[in-house]
Protein backbone atom coordinates (compact mmCIF):
# COMPACT_ATOMS: atom_id res chain seq x y z
CA MET A 1 -164.44 91.56 -38.96
CA LYS A 2 -163.18 88.28 -37.52
CA GLN A 3 -165.24 86.31 -40.03
CA LYS A 4 -163.74 88.27 -42.89
CA ARG A 5 -160.29 87.54 -41.60
CA LEU A 6 -161.10 83.88 -41.04
CA SER A 7 -162.60 83.44 -44.49
CA ALA A 8 -159.68 85.28 -46.09
CA PHE A 9 -157.30 83.09 -44.16
CA SER A 10 -159.07 79.86 -45.06
CA SER A 11 -159.19 80.92 -48.72
CA LEU A 12 -155.50 81.63 -48.61
CA VAL A 13 -154.80 78.24 -47.03
CA PHE A 14 -156.93 76.52 -49.66
CA VAL A 15 -155.17 78.33 -52.51
CA PHE A 16 -151.82 77.55 -50.99
CA PHE A 17 -152.82 73.92 -50.57
CA CYS A 18 -154.02 73.66 -54.17
CA ALA A 19 -150.84 75.25 -55.46
CA ALA A 20 -148.74 72.88 -53.41
CA LEU A 21 -150.66 69.87 -54.71
CA SER A 22 -150.39 70.90 -58.33
CA ALA A 23 -146.70 71.63 -57.95
CA HIS A 24 -146.13 68.28 -56.35
CA ALA A 25 -148.21 66.40 -58.91
CA ALA A 26 -146.30 68.02 -61.70
CA GLN A 27 -143.02 67.11 -60.13
CA GLU A 28 -143.78 63.51 -59.31
CA GLY A 29 -145.77 62.81 -62.35
CA GLY A 30 -147.95 60.35 -60.53
CA ASN A 31 -145.42 58.43 -58.37
CA SER A 32 -146.78 56.49 -55.63
CA SER A 33 -149.94 57.54 -53.90
CA THR A 34 -148.51 56.99 -50.42
CA GLU A 35 -145.78 59.45 -50.97
CA SER A 36 -148.23 61.95 -52.28
CA THR A 37 -150.52 61.36 -49.31
CA ASN A 38 -147.62 61.86 -46.93
CA GLU A 39 -146.69 64.96 -48.81
CA ILE A 40 -150.27 66.25 -48.63
CA PHE A 41 -150.41 65.64 -44.89
CA LYS A 42 -147.11 67.46 -44.46
CA TRP A 43 -148.52 70.44 -46.33
CA ILE A 44 -151.79 70.30 -44.37
CA ASN A 45 -149.79 70.13 -41.15
CA PHE A 46 -147.69 73.06 -42.36
CA ALA A 47 -150.83 75.01 -43.29
CA ILE A 48 -152.37 74.39 -39.84
CA VAL A 49 -149.21 75.44 -38.06
CA ALA A 50 -148.88 78.45 -40.33
CA ALA A 51 -152.56 79.33 -39.78
CA VAL A 52 -152.20 79.09 -36.00
CA MET A 53 -149.03 81.19 -36.13
CA ILE A 54 -150.66 83.79 -38.38
CA TRP A 55 -153.74 83.87 -36.16
CA LEU A 56 -151.59 84.29 -33.01
CA PHE A 57 -149.50 86.96 -34.64
CA ALA A 58 -152.60 88.70 -35.99
CA LYS A 59 -154.21 88.67 -32.57
CA LYS A 60 -151.26 89.39 -30.26
CA LEU A 61 -148.75 91.32 -32.31
CA PRO A 62 -150.88 94.42 -33.08
CA VAL A 63 -151.62 94.86 -29.36
CA TRP A 64 -147.97 94.37 -28.52
CA PHE A 65 -146.88 96.75 -31.31
CA ARG A 66 -149.39 99.38 -30.12
CA ALA A 67 -148.19 99.04 -26.51
CA ASN A 68 -144.57 99.15 -27.64
CA ALA A 69 -145.30 102.18 -29.82
CA GLY A 70 -146.99 103.82 -26.81
CA ARG A 71 -143.97 103.10 -24.61
CA ILE A 72 -141.63 104.41 -27.30
CA SER A 73 -143.78 107.51 -27.79
CA SER A 74 -143.91 108.10 -24.03
CA ALA A 75 -140.14 107.65 -23.79
CA ILE A 76 -139.64 110.06 -26.71
CA THR A 77 -141.94 112.60 -25.04
CA LYS A 78 -140.08 112.27 -21.74
CA ALA A 79 -136.72 112.48 -23.49
CA THR A 80 -137.85 115.58 -25.40
CA ALA A 81 -139.03 117.19 -22.15
CA ALA A 82 -135.77 116.28 -20.43
CA LYS A 83 -133.79 117.61 -23.40
CA ASN A 84 -135.76 120.88 -23.36
CA GLU A 85 -135.22 121.23 -19.61
CA ALA A 86 -131.50 120.52 -19.99
CA GLU A 87 -131.25 123.07 -22.82
CA ARG A 88 -133.10 125.62 -20.65
CA GLN A 89 -130.68 124.97 -17.79
CA VAL A 90 -127.71 125.27 -20.16
CA ARG A 91 -129.05 128.59 -21.51
CA GLU A 92 -129.65 129.81 -17.97
CA ALA A 93 -126.15 128.77 -16.89
CA GLU A 94 -124.61 130.40 -19.98
CA SER A 95 -126.58 133.58 -19.26
CA LYS A 96 -125.39 133.60 -15.66
CA LEU A 97 -121.85 132.89 -16.82
CA ALA A 98 -122.02 135.72 -19.35
CA HIS A 99 -123.19 138.13 -16.65
CA LEU A 100 -120.77 136.79 -14.04
CA GLN A 101 -118.02 139.32 -14.82
CA GLN A 102 -120.55 142.15 -14.75
CA ASP A 103 -121.98 140.90 -11.44
CA ILE A 104 -118.49 140.64 -9.95
CA ALA A 105 -117.64 144.16 -11.14
CA ALA A 106 -120.92 145.48 -9.71
CA LEU A 107 -120.26 143.78 -6.36
CA GLN A 108 -116.72 145.17 -6.27
CA ALA A 109 -117.96 148.68 -7.08
CA HIS A 110 -120.66 148.39 -4.41
CA ALA A 111 -118.13 147.16 -1.85
CA GLN A 112 -115.76 150.00 -2.75
CA ARG A 113 -118.55 152.59 -2.40
CA GLU A 114 -119.49 151.14 0.98
CA THR A 115 -115.84 151.22 2.06
CA VAL A 116 -115.52 154.90 1.06
CA GLU A 117 -118.81 155.76 2.76
CA GLU A 118 -117.77 153.90 5.90
CA GLY A 119 -114.39 155.69 5.88
CA GLU A 120 -116.15 159.06 5.55
CA ARG A 121 -118.54 158.18 8.35
CA ILE A 122 -115.66 157.12 10.61
CA ARG A 123 -113.73 160.29 9.72
CA ALA A 124 -116.79 162.42 10.52
CA LEU A 125 -117.25 160.60 13.84
CA ALA A 126 -113.56 161.06 14.67
CA GLN A 127 -113.74 164.77 13.84
CA GLY A 128 -116.88 165.11 15.96
CA ASP A 129 -115.18 163.28 18.82
CA ALA A 130 -112.06 165.46 18.43
CA LYS A 131 -114.22 168.60 18.61
CA LYS A 132 -115.95 167.26 21.71
CA VAL A 133 -112.59 166.45 23.30
CA GLY A 134 -111.32 169.94 22.38
CA ILE A 135 -114.40 171.59 23.88
CA ALA A 136 -114.12 169.46 27.02
CA ALA A 137 -110.38 170.27 27.31
CA HIS A 138 -111.09 173.99 26.82
CA ALA A 139 -113.78 173.85 29.51
CA GLU A 140 -111.40 172.04 31.86
CA ILE A 141 -108.67 174.59 31.17
CA GLU A 142 -111.09 177.45 31.88
CA ALA A 143 -112.27 175.76 35.07
CA ALA A 144 -108.67 175.19 36.17
CA GLU A 145 -107.83 178.81 35.31
CA ARG A 146 -110.78 180.06 37.37
CA ALA A 147 -109.79 177.83 40.24
CA ALA A 148 -106.18 179.06 39.98
CA ARG A 149 -107.34 182.70 39.93
CA LEU A 150 -109.54 182.14 42.96
CA GLU A 151 -106.70 180.41 44.72
CA LEU A 152 -104.35 183.22 43.66
CA LYS A 153 -106.79 185.84 44.97
CA ALA A 154 -107.17 183.96 48.22
CA LEU A 155 -103.38 183.71 48.50
CA ALA A 156 -102.97 187.41 47.62
CA ALA A 157 -105.62 188.36 50.18
CA SER A 158 -103.96 186.19 52.79
CA LEU A 159 -100.58 187.68 51.96
CA ALA A 160 -102.06 191.19 52.03
CA VAL A 161 -103.64 190.58 55.42
CA ASP A 162 -100.41 189.12 56.72
CA GLY A 163 -98.43 192.03 55.28
CA ALA A 164 -100.87 194.55 56.71
CA GLU A 165 -100.69 192.87 60.10
CA SER A 166 -96.94 192.93 60.11
CA LEU A 167 -96.92 196.55 58.88
CA LEU A 168 -99.43 197.55 61.51
CA ALA A 169 -97.53 195.70 64.15
CA ARG A 170 -94.39 197.65 63.21
CA GLN A 171 -96.09 201.02 62.85
CA LEU A 172 -98.41 200.85 65.82
CA THR A 173 -96.30 201.71 68.70
CA PRO A 174 -97.84 202.21 72.14
CA THR A 175 -97.92 206.01 71.69
CA ALA A 176 -99.54 205.69 68.27
CA GLN A 177 -102.13 203.36 69.76
CA GLU A 178 -102.89 205.84 72.49
CA THR A 179 -103.28 208.66 69.98
CA LEU A 180 -105.69 206.55 67.92
CA VAL A 181 -107.79 205.65 70.91
CA ASP A 182 -107.95 209.30 72.01
CA ALA A 183 -108.99 210.41 68.55
CA PHE A 184 -111.67 207.75 68.48
CA VAL A 185 -113.02 208.75 71.86
CA LYS A 186 -113.10 212.45 70.91
CA SER A 187 -115.03 211.59 67.76
CA LEU A 188 -117.57 209.75 69.87
CA GLU A 189 -118.05 212.59 72.26
CA GLY A 190 -119.18 215.02 69.67
CA ARG A 191 -121.95 212.74 68.42
CA PRO A 192 -125.44 212.68 69.77
CA ASN A 193 -126.66 209.43 71.18
């Protein structure tokens, strides 16, 4: 492959050189040979420099172009991936934004339901506590009523005993006491032992 390139290049240089010589010969029409020799050396020098430049470019540029194309392709691939990711994030954000009002409404409805449920639960607890307080108060009232009745009975009994004592003390005179004792003794005498 290199030999083909080299032979093609040398053929090209030779053709170029011949064309330059014929063009120069036609122009000068046979002026001085020194000028034509200088001119030939200039063209040979140009051909060598051009050949070296073409060879360098042919050797180095394709590698550089391939590497540059690879870098560009890699950058394009990365940019495409980044663009796709950004578009995905935009779509996701737009979707979330579109559903934001619905989410807010759902959260408000949920909070309102929880508030109503909590209010009902507190009301039920308060009613239960009120019933318990009512039952406890009723039990206390009954206990106090029983205690008052017992106290009233004790007071009535005490008053009755005191009243009976005072009545007895007024009605039992010494003659009445003597009659009672005699009646008691007579009742004992008639009994067998």
